[in-house]
Each structure stands twice: as structure tokens, then as C-alpha cells.
Amino acid sequence: MTSRVLVAIDSTGLSELVPPTLSAKVRPEETEVLVLQVVEPFLYTAPPEMSPGYQLENAVRRKELQDCAKESLRLAVEVLRKEGFKVDSRLIEGEIKHGIVAAAADWGADLIVVTSHARRGVAKFFHRSVAESIVHNASCSVLVLKEAVKKAAAAA
């Protein structure tokens, strides 16, 4: 039976943890992988009295974010395919935590893999833990890879 794993990535560099961890946990020949990147909507609009260049600047910034996300997706797909996984990718726009949970449900994921920065205290309060929200709201299992794992691997 083929399992379906949704791998949610971002542009922080933590996503490099996913391929070796996934290879260690599941068999590539029995797993379909959907690599997902959710980009938050760019909601800044300029009031009419602002300079006309402001809207253009926002459009350029949005395109830069989209291009960066596409490149992250391309790299993740390339690495996972080299590991032997059947991989597809998707870039969506929306609130990250809700977008991941919704995409997993729509696609019929058996497992969601996300990374976590393991913030604590005030930083966690202000940044709202995306991983924590996914764990609580997903209808399937969730594997959270922590930043501490990356630091430990780098130190070894």
C-alpha cells in the first residue's frame, strides 16, 4: 500500500532536514510525496495618496517571494527524487498553518512533515507556532523536525 506524505517546506534552510529523515522513516518505493510551500498573501495596499511607485514596489516584492518559494520547491523535489521518492510539488498562497492542514486533507495525506524553530516564551507568542497548530488541527499524523536536530547534526 502506498502512503502519502506531505512535506511542508519554507525558505529557512531547515527543509534540508527532511530528505534524510524521510528516507530513514519510510520506504521511497512505497511513498508518494507532495512538497508544499505556502506563501502568506501580501496584503499591503497603498492608499490613493501614496506614490504610484509604491504599488509597483509591492508587486516586485511579491514576485521575489514567489520566485524564492519556487526555487525552494525545485530544490526539495530534486533531492527527494534522488532519494527515490515519487514527488510532486505545489505552491499555494494563504495563511501557512491553515494552508498546510487544508492541503493535506485535500490531497489525502497520511503524514505531514514540518520543521520547527522551537521558539519559546515571547518569541513563540509573537510568531505563533505553525508546527504546534498543525499538530492540533491535522486529521493525520504529523512529524515535527526541530531546529535543534540540525544544530546537533552540524556539530557532529
Protein backbone atom coordinates (compact mmCIF):
# COMPACT_ATOMS: atom_id res chain seq x y z
CA MET A 1 0.00 0.00 0.00
CA THR A 2 1.32 3.43 -0.94
CA SER A 3 1.50 6.05 1.78
CA ARG A 4 1.12 9.75 1.08
CA VAL A 5 3.44 12.19 2.83
CA LEU A 6 3.00 15.94 2.61
CA VAL A 7 6.30 17.73 3.22
CA ALA A 8 5.76 21.37 4.11
CA ILE A 9 8.84 23.47 3.46
CA ASP A 10 9.84 27.07 3.89
CA SER A 11 12.83 29.12 2.84
CA THR A 12 14.72 28.98 6.15
CA GLY A 13 17.08 26.16 5.29
CA LEU A 14 15.59 23.78 7.84
CA SER A 15 13.94 21.91 4.99
CA GLU A 16 17.27 20.22 4.28
CA LEU A 17 16.49 18.02 7.31
CA VAL A 18 13.55 16.43 5.53
CA PRO A 19 15.09 14.11 2.89
CA PRO A 20 17.43 12.13 5.18
CA THR A 21 14.80 11.92 7.92
CA LEU A 22 12.09 10.84 5.49
CA SER A 23 14.37 8.22 3.93
CA ALA A 24 15.09 6.81 7.38
CA LYS A 25 11.39 6.57 8.30
CA VAL A 26 9.63 5.40 5.11
CA ARG A 27 10.43 3.35 2.03
CA PRO A 28 10.70 5.53 -1.08
CA GLU A 29 9.17 2.91 -3.38
CA GLU A 30 6.03 2.80 -1.23
CA THR A 31 5.62 6.55 -0.71
CA GLU A 32 4.16 9.42 -2.69
CA VAL A 33 5.43 12.81 -1.56
CA LEU A 34 3.81 16.19 -2.07
CA VAL A 35 6.24 19.02 -1.34
CA LEU A 36 4.23 22.06 -0.34
CA GLN A 37 5.20 25.64 0.24
CA VAL A 38 2.62 28.10 1.49
CA VAL A 39 3.31 31.77 0.92
CA GLU A 40 1.44 34.27 3.05
CA PRO A 41 -0.62 36.73 0.99
CA PHE A 42 0.97 40.10 0.50
CA LEU A 43 -1.79 42.28 1.93
CA TYR A 44 -0.20 45.68 1.84
CA THR A 45 -2.06 48.09 -0.38
CA ALA A 46 -1.32 51.71 -0.92
CA PRO A 47 -3.88 54.41 -0.25
CA PRO A 48 -4.59 56.59 -3.30
CA GLU A 49 -2.44 59.44 -1.96
CA MET A 50 0.68 57.24 -1.88
CA SER A 51 3.17 57.44 -4.70
CA PRO A 52 2.39 55.30 -7.76
CA GLY A 53 5.72 53.52 -7.32
CA TYR A 54 4.60 52.03 -4.01
CA GLN A 55 2.19 49.59 -5.70
CA LEU A 56 4.92 48.59 -8.14
CA GLU A 57 7.36 48.05 -5.24
CA ASN A 58 4.82 45.75 -3.55
CA ALA A 59 4.34 43.80 -6.80
CA VAL A 60 8.11 43.35 -7.15
CA ARG A 61 8.42 42.17 -3.53
CA ARG A 62 5.59 39.68 -4.01
CA LYS A 63 7.23 38.29 -7.16
CA GLU A 64 10.54 37.93 -5.29
CA LEU A 65 8.80 35.92 -2.55
CA GLN A 66 7.09 33.71 -5.12
CA ASP A 67 10.38 33.14 -7.01
CA CYS A 68 12.20 32.23 -3.79
CA ALA A 69 9.43 29.77 -2.88
CA LYS A 70 9.53 28.19 -6.34
CA GLU A 71 13.29 27.71 -6.08
CA SER A 72 12.94 26.11 -2.62
CA LEU A 73 10.32 23.74 -4.04
CA ARG A 74 12.50 22.86 -7.03
CA LEU A 75 15.47 22.02 -4.81
CA ALA A 76 13.40 19.93 -2.39
CA VAL A 77 11.80 17.96 -5.24
CA GLU A 78 15.21 17.33 -6.80
CA VAL A 79 16.68 15.96 -3.56
CA LEU A 80 13.68 13.76 -2.78
CA ARG A 81 13.63 12.33 -6.31
CA LYS A 82 17.32 11.43 -5.94
CA GLU A 83 16.33 9.54 -2.77
CA GLY A 84 13.90 7.50 -4.90
CA PHE A 85 10.58 9.12 -3.94
CA LYS A 86 7.74 9.79 -6.36
CA VAL A 87 7.39 13.54 -5.84
CA ASP A 88 5.02 16.30 -6.86
CA SER A 89 5.04 19.90 -5.65
CA ARG A 90 2.59 22.67 -5.01
CA LEU A 91 2.88 26.35 -4.15
CA ILE A 92 -0.17 27.94 -2.59
CA GLU A 93 -0.98 31.32 -1.12
CA GLY A 94 -2.67 31.59 2.25
CA GLU A 95 -2.10 31.53 5.97
CA ILE A 96 0.65 28.96 6.45
CA LYS A 97 -0.78 26.78 9.21
CA HIS A 98 -4.26 26.62 7.67
CA GLY A 99 -2.89 26.14 4.16
CA ILE A 100 -0.82 23.13 5.19
CA VAL A 101 -3.67 21.44 7.05
CA ALA A 102 -6.13 22.09 4.21
CA ALA A 103 -3.73 20.87 1.51
CA ALA A 104 -3.03 17.69 3.49
CA ALA A 105 -6.74 17.00 3.87
CA ASP A 106 -7.48 17.74 0.19
CA TRP A 107 -4.61 15.54 -1.00
CA GLY A 108 -5.39 12.71 1.44
CA ALA A 109 -2.05 12.78 3.26
CA ASP A 110 -1.24 10.02 5.74
CA LEU A 111 1.56 12.08 7.28
CA ILE A 112 2.60 15.72 7.36
CA VAL A 113 6.29 16.55 7.85
CA VAL A 114 7.11 20.07 9.06
CA THR A 115 10.09 21.80 10.57
CA SER A 116 10.03 23.84 13.75
CA HIS A 117 12.24 26.63 15.02
CA ALA A 118 11.43 25.55 18.60
CA ARG A 119 10.77 29.08 19.79
CA ARG A 120 9.91 29.65 23.42
CA GLY A 121 8.40 32.38 25.55
CA VAL A 122 7.72 35.75 23.98
CA ALA A 123 9.14 34.72 20.59
CA LYS A 124 6.71 31.80 20.46
CA PHE A 125 3.83 34.08 21.45
CA PHE A 126 4.56 36.60 18.71
CA HIS A 127 5.43 34.08 15.99
CA ARG A 128 2.61 31.63 16.81
CA SER A 129 3.92 28.13 16.40
CA VAL A 130 2.92 26.89 12.97
CA ALA A 131 4.05 23.35 13.82
CA GLU A 132 2.02 23.32 17.03
CA SER A 133 -1.10 24.47 15.20
CA ILE A 134 -0.65 21.78 12.53
CA VAL A 135 -0.25 19.07 15.18
CA HIS A 136 -3.51 20.15 16.83
CA ASN A 137 -5.56 20.63 13.64
CA ALA A 138 -4.36 17.98 11.18
CA SER A 139 -6.52 14.94 10.54
CA CYS A 140 -3.43 12.74 10.04
CA SER A 141 -0.14 12.12 11.82
CA VAL A 142 2.44 14.93 11.97
CA LEU A 143 6.22 14.59 12.19
CA VAL A 144 7.92 17.74 13.50
CA LEU A 145 11.63 18.15 12.83
CA LYS A 146 13.21 20.62 15.22
CA GLU A 147 15.96 23.13 14.55
CA ALA A 148 17.92 21.53 17.39
CA VAL A 149 18.29 18.41 15.24
CA LYS A 150 20.01 20.49 12.55
CA LYS A 151 22.36 22.07 15.10
CA ALA A 152 23.26 18.67 16.52
CA ALA A 153 23.96 17.26 13.06
CA ALA A 154 26.18 20.25 12.23
CA ALA A 155 28.15 19.80 15.45
CA ALA A 156 28.80 16.10 14.74
